């Protein structure tokens, strides 16, 4: 999906990743992350957000909640939006500040007091019961916690497994109940996804959830709530921040923009953010019909992988589709025209959209590429734990 872009805009990363694999420094099934590029992308995003008067909360799941990357990003975007409690703990331990908790997964009751003690800017709640739980924990800690109301998404604009939220037509009833709770204050609204990139052109477009969130904010303002936030996550990048500002958002949540891997980056290599990672595998065996099989583990089902680059021979081979319901022990490539172009142990380089935290992959962090002095800083698992 991003192979052309990374070869054109960050060939040093491809070369360094291949060298690390050939030398045995990294195993197959490893994402190689360019620390310098990720930090540079964070700097660009922060500058554009400041120009537009937006606040950013960065998201870490897609790059494996890696502590080195978290620290580099937090130098420019200090606050995070954590999708669940395990991620929140990793981000907090790495030194980033809590911007929004409960972003996609509600905070379990047993974790609320621990995490509210970090004094997050906001906590997202999906229903009255969760608002009540936050209220009780905040009272025990002795302060008032600001809440974001998660809106139930518009029909056809919600991903399976992410259902929930307050229906717009029930917002007044929800607000009336929450307004009576001590220890919490309604501070704004959010929905997901608010922006998506068109599959054919990659152009960012508001979803039906964005006007829904705007209508909810207006309703809350009519009830007397002031200085309301509107966090409008999904596809947040330098190119889409002006769109969010025009539509009245106050907060955005960059994730894939930090690694230059939004769908817009796949179709337009001129985007401000540069690609910041590649996936490394190797030829494990060759089928009788000549097709090489490479080691799997990190082939995210929604990745839309097209081809692989084999640096030793310089060939690019098409990647065969694989059913998402099957475990990716291997992935098959098209048979090369010359059989010797893909031999046992050969490095295979891929560049595609991923969510590393749901893989079983390794994450290698490389620094110094921007100065021509690349060095491996560390090897981690997919949840940010050091393997060194």
Protein backbone atom coordinates (compact mmCIF):
# COMPACT_ATOMS: atom_id res chain seq x y z
CA UNK A 1 0.00 0.00 0.00
CA UNK A 2 2.86 2.40 0.84
CA UNK A 3 5.83 0.69 -0.83
CA UNK A 4 6.14 3.20 -3.67
CA UNK A 5 5.95 6.09 -1.22
CA UNK A 6 8.53 4.75 1.22
CA UNK A 7 10.95 3.83 -1.58
CA UNK A 8 10.65 7.34 -2.98
CA UNK A 9 10.61 9.36 0.25
CA UNK A 10 12.52 7.27 2.78
CA UNK A 11 14.79 4.85 0.90
CA UNK A 12 17.32 5.03 3.75
CA UNK A 13 14.83 3.31 6.01
CA UNK A 14 14.36 0.47 3.52
CA UNK A 15 18.11 0.02 3.13
CA UNK A 16 18.77 0.13 6.89
CA UNK A 17 15.97 -2.33 7.64
CA UNK A 18 17.35 -4.77 5.08
CA UNK A 19 20.87 -4.46 6.51
CA UNK A 20 19.60 -5.09 10.03
CA UNK A 21 17.79 -8.22 8.88
CA UNK A 22 20.68 -9.59 6.83
CA UNK A 23 23.06 -9.06 9.76
CA UNK A 24 20.78 -10.98 12.14
CA UNK A 25 20.12 -7.93 14.32
CA UNK A 26 16.37 -8.26 13.77
CA UNK A 27 14.27 -11.37 13.03
CA UNK A 28 11.55 -11.73 10.42
CA UNK A 29 8.13 -10.42 11.45
CA UNK A 30 9.60 -7.09 12.56
CA UNK A 31 8.34 -3.57 12.01
CA UNK A 32 11.28 -1.19 11.70
CA UNK A 33 10.39 2.30 12.96
CA UNK A 34 12.27 5.44 11.94
CA UNK A 35 12.43 7.43 15.18
CA UNK A 36 13.70 10.62 13.51
CA UNK A 37 10.89 10.66 10.95
CA UNK A 38 8.18 9.95 13.52
CA UNK A 39 9.40 12.86 15.64
CA UNK A 40 9.62 15.14 12.59
CA UNK A 41 6.03 14.23 11.68
CA UNK A 42 4.90 15.04 15.23
CA UNK A 43 6.62 18.42 14.98
CA UNK A 44 4.80 19.21 11.72
CA UNK A 45 1.43 18.20 13.17
CA UNK A 46 1.97 20.27 16.30
CA UNK A 47 2.90 23.37 14.28
CA UNK A 48 -0.16 23.09 12.03
CA UNK A 49 -2.46 22.53 14.99
CA UNK A 50 -1.04 25.60 16.74
CA UNK A 51 -1.59 27.66 13.58
CA UNK A 52 -5.24 26.58 13.45
CA UNK A 53 -5.92 26.83 17.17
CA UNK A 54 -6.51 23.08 17.57
CA UNK A 55 -5.39 20.83 20.40
CA UNK A 56 -3.89 17.42 19.58
CA UNK A 57 -4.04 14.19 21.55
CA UNK A 58 -1.80 11.58 19.91
CA UNK A 59 -2.71 7.88 19.56
CA UNK A 60 -0.15 5.08 19.96
CA UNK A 61 -1.84 1.76 19.18
CA UNK A 62 -0.84 1.63 15.53
CA UNK A 63 2.91 1.75 16.27
CA UNK A 64 2.80 -0.78 19.08
CA UNK A 65 2.62 1.57 22.08
CA UNK A 66 6.38 1.87 21.84
CA UNK A 67 7.94 3.89 24.69
CA UNK A 68 10.76 5.40 22.61
CA UNK A 69 8.31 6.65 19.98
CA UNK A 70 5.93 7.88 22.70
CA UNK A 71 8.67 9.99 24.28
CA UNK A 72 9.72 11.45 20.91
CA UNK A 73 6.15 12.38 19.99
CA UNK A 74 5.39 13.80 23.44
CA UNK A 75 8.17 16.35 23.01
CA UNK A 76 5.86 18.05 20.49
CA UNK A 77 2.38 16.69 21.31
CA UNK A 78 2.45 16.27 25.09
CA UNK A 79 -0.98 14.68 25.60
CA UNK A 80 -2.39 11.36 24.43
CA UNK A 81 -5.75 9.74 23.76
CA UNK A 82 -5.58 6.18 25.08
CA UNK A 83 -7.86 3.62 23.50
CA UNK A 84 -7.92 1.32 26.53
CA UNK A 85 -6.54 0.92 30.05
CA UNK A 86 -3.41 -1.11 29.16
CA UNK A 87 -2.41 1.50 26.60
CA UNK A 88 -3.06 4.33 29.04
CA UNK A 89 -0.65 2.78 31.54
CA UNK A 90 2.12 2.41 28.96
CA UNK A 91 1.69 6.00 27.76
CA UNK A 92 1.67 7.33 31.31
CA UNK A 93 4.75 5.31 32.27
CA UNK A 94 6.61 6.69 29.25
CA UNK A 95 6.01 10.23 30.52
CA UNK A 96 3.20 11.44 28.26
CA UNK A 97 0.26 13.34 29.75
CA UNK A 98 -3.30 12.04 29.75
CA UNK A 99 -5.47 14.01 27.34
CA UNK A 100 -8.45 11.71 26.90
CA UNK A 101 -9.14 8.32 28.51
CA UNK A 102 -11.96 5.99 27.51
CA UNK A 103 -11.44 7.03 23.87
CA UNK A 104 -12.64 3.77 22.28
CA UNK A 105 -12.82 1.40 25.26
CA UNK A 106 -14.52 2.45 28.48
CA UNK A 107 -12.27 2.46 31.57
CA UNK A 108 -13.00 -0.59 33.74
CA UNK A 109 -14.32 0.39 37.16
CA UNK A 110 -11.37 -1.15 39.00
CA UNK A 111 -8.98 1.11 37.02
CA UNK A 112 -10.84 4.41 37.35
CA UNK A 113 -9.32 5.71 40.57
CA UNK A 114 -5.79 4.85 39.44
CA UNK A 115 -6.20 6.66 36.12
CA UNK A 116 -8.19 9.64 37.31
CA UNK A 117 -5.33 10.31 39.73
CA UNK A 118 -3.28 11.23 36.66
CA UNK A 119 -5.71 14.15 36.20
CA UNK A 120 -6.65 13.51 32.55
CA UNK A 121 -7.99 16.47 30.64
CA UNK A 122 -11.14 14.50 29.80
CA UNK A 123 -12.71 11.07 30.15
CA UNK A 124 -15.06 9.81 27.45
CA UNK A 125 -18.26 8.13 28.67
CA UNK A 126 -20.76 6.17 26.61
CA UNK A 127 -23.70 6.13 29.03
CA UNK A 128 -25.00 7.33 32.39
CA UNK A 129 -23.65 4.28 34.25
CA UNK A 130 -20.09 5.07 33.21
CA UNK A 131 -20.57 8.75 34.10
CA UNK A 132 -21.74 7.66 37.54
CA UNK A 133 -18.67 5.46 37.96
CA UNK A 134 -16.37 8.36 37.06
CA UNK A 135 -18.32 10.58 39.46
CA UNK A 136 -17.74 8.19 42.37
CA UNK A 137 -14.02 7.86 41.65
CA UNK A 138 -13.54 11.61 41.21
CA UNK A 139 -15.33 12.31 44.49
CA UNK A 140 -13.01 9.92 46.32
CA UNK A 141 -10.06 11.80 44.83
CA UNK A 142 -11.54 15.18 45.68
CA UNK A 143 -11.84 16.94 42.33
CA UNK A 144 -14.21 17.44 39.39
CA UNK A 145 -13.45 15.35 36.30
CA UNK A 146 -14.36 16.75 32.87
CA UNK A 147 -16.31 14.37 30.62
CA UNK A 148 -16.64 13.97 26.87
CA UNK A 149 -19.97 12.54 25.75
CA UNK A 150 -19.53 9.84 23.15
CA UNK A 151 -22.33 10.10 20.57
CA UNK A 152 -23.92 7.02 19.07
CA UNK A 153 -22.71 7.00 15.50
CA UNK A 154 -24.86 7.66 12.47
CA UNK A 155 -26.27 4.58 10.68
CA UNK A 156 -23.59 3.03 8.48
CA UNK A 157 -20.85 5.18 10.03
CA UNK A 158 -19.76 2.93 12.91
CA UNK A 159 -17.21 0.10 12.79
CA UNK A 160 -18.32 -3.30 14.13
CA UNK A 161 -17.00 -3.82 17.62
CA UNK A 162 -17.11 -0.09 18.36
CA UNK A 163 -20.83 0.32 18.94
CA UNK A 164 -22.20 2.48 21.72
CA UNK A 165 -22.71 6.03 22.85
CA UNK A 166 -25.56 8.41 23.57
CA UNK A 167 -28.15 8.78 20.77
CA UNK A 168 -28.62 12.42 19.79
CA UNK A 169 -32.35 12.23 20.49
CA UNK A 170 -31.60 11.12 24.08
CA UNK A 171 -28.85 13.62 24.76
CA UNK A 172 -31.00 15.98 26.82
CA UNK A 173 -32.12 13.15 29.10
CA UNK A 174 -28.50 11.97 29.46
CA UNK A 175 -27.32 15.50 30.22
CA UNK A 176 -30.04 16.08 32.78
CA UNK A 177 -28.95 13.00 34.73
CA UNK A 178 -25.23 13.76 34.51
CA UNK A 179 -25.71 17.40 35.50
CA UNK A 180 -26.95 16.18 38.88
CA UNK A 181 -23.82 14.11 39.53
CA UNK A 182 -21.14 15.50 41.84
CA UNK A 183 -17.52 15.17 40.81
CA UNK A 184 -18.04 15.44 37.05
CA UNK A 185 -18.78 18.13 34.48
CA UNK A 186 -19.81 17.76 30.84
CA UNK A 187 -16.96 19.35 28.90
CA UNK A 188 -17.67 18.34 25.32
CA UNK A 189 -18.57 15.67 22.81
CA UNK A 190 -16.87 13.16 20.55
CA UNK A 191 -17.77 10.61 17.88
CA UNK A 192 -15.87 8.13 15.76
CA UNK A 193 -14.98 8.15 12.95
CA UNK A 194 -15.50 11.81 12.04
CA UNK A 195 -13.32 11.89 8.91
CA UNK A 196 -12.48 9.14 6.42
CA UNK A 197 -10.44 9.07 3.25
CA UNK A 198 -12.28 8.19 0.05
CA UNK A 199 -11.17 4.70 -1.06
CA UNK A 200 -10.58 5.70 -4.69
CA UNK A 201 -8.84 9.09 -4.30
CA UNK A 202 -7.73 9.11 -0.66
CA UNK A 203 -9.33 12.52 -0.25
CA UNK A 204 -10.50 13.23 3.31
CA UNK A 205 -14.23 13.67 3.74
CA UNK A 206 -16.35 14.28 6.84
CA UNK A 207 -18.53 11.33 7.82
CA UNK A 208 -22.12 11.68 9.03
CA UNK A 209 -20.73 11.54 12.59
CA UNK A 210 -19.19 15.01 12.39
CA UNK A 211 -22.45 16.97 11.89
CA UNK A 212 -23.96 14.70 14.54
CA UNK A 213 -21.28 15.79 17.01
CA UNK A 214 -21.78 19.43 16.07
CA UNK A 215 -25.52 19.14 16.67
CA UNK A 216 -24.85 17.53 20.06
CA UNK A 217 -22.51 20.33 21.05
CA UNK A 218 -25.17 22.90 20.11
CA UNK A 219 -27.72 21.08 22.28
CA UNK A 220 -25.40 21.07 25.24
CA UNK A 221 -24.61 24.75 24.72
CA UNK A 222 -28.34 25.49 24.72
CA UNK A 223 -28.50 23.84 28.14
CA UNK A 224 -25.94 26.32 29.45
CA UNK A 225 -22.70 24.36 29.05
CA UNK A 226 -19.81 26.61 28.04
CA UNK A 227 -16.39 26.20 26.39
CA UNK A 228 -17.36 22.82 24.98
CA UNK A 229 -14.75 20.66 23.32
CA UNK A 230 -15.37 18.71 20.13
CA UNK A 231 -12.87 15.94 19.51
CA UNK A 232 -13.17 14.67 15.92
CA UNK A 233 -10.82 11.68 15.54
CA UNK A 234 -9.86 9.54 12.53
CA UNK A 235 -7.54 10.39 9.63
CA UNK A 236 -6.09 13.38 11.52
CA UNK A 237 -3.10 14.71 9.56
CA UNK A 238 -1.58 18.00 8.44
CA UNK A 239 -3.85 17.85 5.38
CA UNK A 240 -7.06 17.24 7.34
CA UNK A 241 -6.55 19.58 10.31
CA UNK A 242 -7.81 22.63 8.33
CA UNK A 243 -10.97 20.67 7.45
CA UNK A 244 -11.57 19.92 11.14
CA UNK A 245 -10.97 23.54 12.11
CA UNK A 246 -13.44 24.76 9.47
CA UNK A 247 -16.09 22.40 10.83
CA UNK A 248 -15.67 23.60 14.39
CA UNK A 249 -13.58 20.85 15.96
CA UNK A 250 -11.37 21.81 18.90
CA UNK A 251 -9.36 18.58 19.19
CA UNK A 252 -7.87 16.05 16.77
CA UNK A 253 -6.18 12.72 17.43
CA UNK A 254 -3.33 11.93 15.01
CA UNK A 255 -2.27 8.32 14.83
CA UNK A 256 -1.23 7.08 11.40
CA UNK A 257 -0.15 10.58 10.40
CA UNK A 258 2.73 10.20 12.86
CA UNK A 259 4.12 7.42 10.66
CA UNK A 260 2.93 8.90 7.34
CA UNK A 261 0.53 6.03 6.71
CA UNK A 262 -2.98 7.42 6.39
CA UNK A 263 -4.91 6.35 3.25
CA UNK A 264 -4.19 9.81 1.83
CA UNK A 265 -0.46 9.13 2.06
CA UNK A 266 -0.92 5.95 0.02
CA UNK A 267 -2.24 7.83 -3.00
CA UNK A 268 -0.43 11.16 -2.62
CA UNK A 269 3.28 10.93 -1.74
CA UNK A 270 3.48 14.75 -1.53
CA UNK A 271 1.86 14.85 1.90
CA UNK A 272 3.74 16.71 4.64
CA UNK A 273 4.37 13.62 6.77
CA UNK A 274 6.96 11.12 5.54
CA UNK A 275 6.56 7.33 5.86
CA UNK A 276 8.16 6.15 9.08
CA UNK A 277 8.12 2.35 9.11
CA UNK A 278 8.49 -0.79 7.03
CA UNK A 279 7.68 -4.43 7.76
CA UNK A 280 10.45 -7.00 7.38
CA UNK A 281 10.02 -10.70 6.70
CA UNK A 282 12.06 -13.35 4.92
CA UNK A 283 11.53 -16.25 2.55
CA UNK A 284 10.71 -19.31 4.67
CA UNK A 285 10.24 -21.87 1.88
CA UNK A 286 9.22 -22.13 -1.77
CA UNK A 287 6.17 -24.00 -3.04
CA UNK A 288 6.47 -26.57 -5.79
CA UNK A 289 4.95 -24.07 -8.24
CA UNK A 290 7.70 -21.53 -7.47
CA UNK A 291 5.80 -19.20 -5.15
CA UNK A 292 7.87 -18.04 -2.16
CA UNK A 293 6.26 -18.17 1.28
CA UNK A 294 7.42 -15.52 3.74
CA UNK A 295 7.10 -15.61 7.52
CA UNK A 296 3.93 -13.98 8.86
CA UNK A 297 2.75 -12.57 12.14
CA UNK A 298 2.20 -8.94 11.23
CA UNK A 299 -0.04 -9.06 8.18
CA UNK A 300 -2.91 -6.92 9.43
CA UNK A 301 -6.14 -8.00 7.67
CA UNK A 302 -7.10 -4.48 6.52
CA UNK A 303 -3.64 -3.68 5.19
CA UNK A 304 -4.38 -3.90 1.44
CA UNK A 305 -0.87 -5.19 0.72
CA UNK A 306 0.07 -5.14 -2.95
CA UNK A 307 3.66 -6.22 -3.32
CA UNK A 308 6.97 -6.97 -1.62
CA UNK A 309 10.48 -5.73 -2.39
CA UNK A 310 13.38 -8.20 -2.20
CA UNK A 311 16.55 -6.08 -1.87
CA UNK A 312 19.08 -8.82 -2.74
CA UNK A 313 17.73 -9.31 -6.25
CA UNK A 314 15.93 -5.98 -6.54
CA UNK A 315 12.66 -7.60 -7.66
CA UNK A 316 9.15 -6.70 -6.57
CA UNK A 317 6.68 -9.54 -6.27
CA UNK A 318 2.92 -9.34 -5.94
CA UNK A 319 1.50 -10.48 -2.59
CA UNK A 320 -1.33 -13.00 -2.73
CA UNK A 321 -4.50 -12.24 -0.79
CA UNK A 322 -5.19 -14.33 2.31
CA UNK A 323 -8.48 -14.82 4.16
CA UNK A 324 -8.68 -12.73 7.34
CA UNK A 325 -10.16 -15.68 9.24
CA UNK A 326 -6.94 -17.69 8.83
CA UNK A 327 -3.80 -17.29 10.97
CA UNK A 328 -1.00 -15.67 8.98
CA UNK A 329 1.73 -18.21 9.59
CA UNK A 330 3.00 -17.38 6.10
CA UNK A 331 2.10 -15.10 3.21
CA UNK A 332 2.55 -16.16 -0.40
CA UNK A 333 4.27 -14.08 -3.06
CA UNK A 334 3.98 -14.39 -6.81
CA UNK A 335 6.59 -16.72 -8.31
CA UNK A 336 9.55 -14.69 -9.66
CA UNK A 337 10.39 -14.90 -13.35
CA UNK A 338 13.86 -16.08 -12.35
CA UNK A 339 13.63 -18.63 -9.51
CA UNK A 340 16.95 -17.57 -7.97
CA UNK A 341 15.56 -14.07 -7.34
CA UNK A 342 13.82 -15.32 -4.18
CA UNK A 343 15.83 -17.79 -2.11
CA UNK A 344 15.65 -19.18 1.39
CA UNK A 345 16.26 -16.46 4.00
CA UNK A 346 16.04 -13.55 1.56
CA UNK A 347 14.83 -10.29 3.09
CA UNK A 348 11.35 -9.16 2.04
CA UNK A 349 10.32 -5.54 2.64
CA UNK A 350 6.68 -4.48 2.89
CA UNK A 351 4.98 -1.15 3.58
CA UNK A 352 1.30 -1.22 4.50
CA UNK A 353 -1.19 0.19 6.97
CA UNK A 354 -1.18 -1.71 10.24
CA UNK A 355 -2.24 -1.79 13.89
CA UNK A 356 0.83 -3.29 15.50
CA UNK A 357 -0.82 -3.83 18.88
CA UNK A 358 -3.03 -6.59 17.43
CA UNK A 359 -0.14 -8.46 15.80
CA UNK A 360 2.46 -10.83 17.25
CA UNK A 361 5.29 -8.83 15.66
CA UNK A 362 8.53 -7.32 16.89
CA UNK A 363 9.20 -3.59 16.73
CA UNK A 364 12.72 -2.33 16.05
CA UNK A 365 13.40 1.36 16.66
CA UNK A 366 16.11 2.97 14.53
CA UNK A 367 17.54 6.43 15.22
CA UNK A 368 20.01 8.57 13.25
CA UNK A 369 18.63 8.06 9.74
CA UNK A 370 18.17 11.81 9.28
CA UNK A 371 21.89 12.39 9.89
CA UNK A 372 23.14 9.38 7.95
CA UNK A 373 24.20 7.53 11.10
CA UNK A 374 21.52 4.85 11.61
CA UNK A 375 21.66 2.77 14.75
CA UNK A 376 19.32 0.23 16.30
CA UNK A 377 18.02 1.71 19.56
CA UNK A 378 16.07 -1.32 20.74
CA UNK A 379 13.83 -4.26 19.97
CA UNK A 380 10.34 -4.47 21.48
CA UNK A 381 7.25 -6.63 21.32
CA UNK A 382 3.94 -5.46 19.85
CA UNK A 383 2.82 -4.02 23.20
CA UNK A 384 5.88 -1.89 23.84
CA UNK A 385 7.86 -4.23 26.13
CA UNK A 386 11.62 -4.36 25.63
CA UNK A 387 13.10 -7.59 24.23
CA UNK A 388 16.73 -6.52 24.75
